[in-house]
Amino acid sequence: MLDSEIKLSKSNLKFKSGDWSDSFSGHIFRGELLGRHLGVIGFGRIGKEIIKRATAF
């Protein structure tokens, strides 16, 4: 969820390759997760854990 908002994995790959040219410019957290919907397919052990963690947002 956070990765889709701030493109964290993309920035991480750039930093690991040594490209610090734009740091986090353009990747500032602009979105808000509060009030958004999260779809969870399946409600087994993993689904229940995802829901527990998602309630923090």
C-alpha atoms as a PDB file:
ATOM      1  CA  MET A   1       0.000   0.000   0.000  1.00  0.00           C
ATOM      2  CA  LEU A   2       2.722   2.417   0.907  1.00  0.00           C
ATOM      3  CA  ASP A   3       4.782   1.457  -2.101  1.00  0.00           C
ATOM      4  CA  SER A   4       1.959   2.391  -4.424  1.00  0.00           C
ATOM      5  CA  GLU A   5       1.739   5.816  -2.781  1.00  0.00           C
ATOM      6  CA  ILE A   6       5.406   6.797  -2.469  1.00  0.00           C
ATOM      7  CA  LYS A   7       7.128   4.523  -5.017  1.00  0.00           C
ATOM      8  CA  LEU A   8       9.471   3.273  -2.308  1.00  0.00           C
ATOM      9  CA  SER A   9      10.739   0.206  -4.195  1.00  0.00           C
ATOM     10  CA  LYS A  10      11.611   2.305  -7.263  1.00  0.00           C
ATOM     11  CA  SER A  11      13.582   4.756  -5.125  1.00  0.00           C
ATOM     12  CA  ASN A  12      15.298   1.892  -3.304  1.00  0.00           C
ATOM     13  CA  LEU A  13      16.527   0.394  -6.586  1.00  0.00           C
ATOM     14  CA  LYS A  14      17.865   3.774  -7.712  1.00  0.00           C
ATOM     15  CA  PHE A  15      19.701   4.307  -4.431  1.00  0.00           C
ATOM     16  CA  LYS A  16      21.213   0.813  -4.475  1.00  0.00           C
ATOM     17  CA  SER A  17      22.541   1.462  -7.980  1.00  0.00           C
ATOM     18  CA  GLY A  18      24.196   4.643  -6.718  1.00  0.00           C
ATOM     19  CA  ASP A  19      21.764   7.079  -8.336  1.00  0.00           C
ATOM     20  CA  TRP A  20      21.039   9.693  -5.683  1.00  0.00           C
ATOM     21  CA  SER A  21      20.307  12.399  -8.266  1.00  0.00           C
ATOM     22  CA  ASP A  22      16.764  13.228  -7.267  1.00  0.00           C
ATOM     23  CA  SER A  23      16.533  11.646  -3.816  1.00  0.00           C
ATOM     24  CA  PHE A  24      12.857  11.649  -2.988  1.00  0.00           C
ATOM     25  CA  SER A  25      11.842  14.629  -5.101  1.00  0.00           C
ATOM     26  CA  GLY A  26       8.619  13.766  -6.807  1.00  0.00           C
ATOM     27  CA  HIS A  27       8.090  10.879  -4.410  1.00  0.00           C
ATOM     28  CA  ILE A  28       6.812  12.856  -1.464  1.00  0.00           C
ATOM     29  CA  PHE A  29       3.923  11.190   0.276  1.00  0.00           C
ATOM     30  CA  ARG A  30       0.957  13.044  -1.142  1.00  0.00           C
ATOM     31  CA  GLY A  31      -1.729  10.468  -0.706  1.00  0.00           C
ATOM     32  CA  GLU A  32      -3.773   9.512   2.258  1.00  0.00           C
ATOM     33  CA  LEU A  33      -4.599   5.928   3.103  1.00  0.00           C
ATOM     34  CA  LEU A  34      -7.292   6.839   5.610  1.00  0.00           C
ATOM     35  CA  GLY A  35     -10.693   6.293   4.058  1.00  0.00           C
ATOM     36  CA  ARG A  36      -9.402   4.158   1.200  1.00  0.00           C
ATOM     37  CA  HIS A  37     -10.632   0.646   0.466  1.00  0.00           C
ATOM     38  CA  LEU A  38      -8.470  -2.456   0.603  1.00  0.00           C
ATOM     39  CA  GLY A  39      -9.603  -5.643  -1.059  1.00  0.00           C
ATOM     40  CA  VAL A  40      -8.333  -8.882   0.442  1.00  0.00           C
ATOM     41  CA  ILE A  41      -8.922 -12.067  -1.499  1.00  0.00           C
ATOM     42  CA  GLY A  42      -9.222 -14.998   0.835  1.00  0.00           C
ATOM     43  CA  PHE A  43      -9.599 -14.824   4.568  1.00  0.00           C
ATOM     44  CA  GLY A  44      -7.152 -17.467   5.704  1.00  0.00           C
ATOM     45  CA  ARG A  45      -4.167 -16.918   7.963  1.00  0.00           C
ATOM     46  CA  ILE A  46      -2.416 -14.515   5.570  1.00  0.00           C
ATOM     47  CA  GLY A  47      -5.556 -12.526   4.801  1.00  0.00           C
ATOM     48  CA  LYS A  48      -6.283 -12.095   8.500  1.00  0.00           C
ATOM     49  CA  GLU A  49      -2.737 -10.847   9.142  1.00  0.00           C
ATOM     50  CA  ILE A  50      -2.988  -8.360   6.267  1.00  0.00           C
ATOM     51  CA  ILE A  51      -6.220  -6.990   7.694  1.00  0.00           C
ATOM     52  CA  LYS A  52      -4.665  -6.646  11.163  1.00  0.00           C
ATOM     53  CA  ARG A  53      -1.815  -4.615   9.734  1.00  0.00           C
ATOM     54  CA  ALA A  54      -4.022  -2.566   7.425  1.00  0.00           C
ATOM     55  CA  THR A  55      -6.197  -1.335  10.277  1.00  0.00           C
ATOM     56  CA  ALA A  56      -3.227   0.784  11.382  1.00  0.00           C
ATOM     57  CA  PHE A  57      -3.739   2.899   8.277  1.00  0.00           C
END
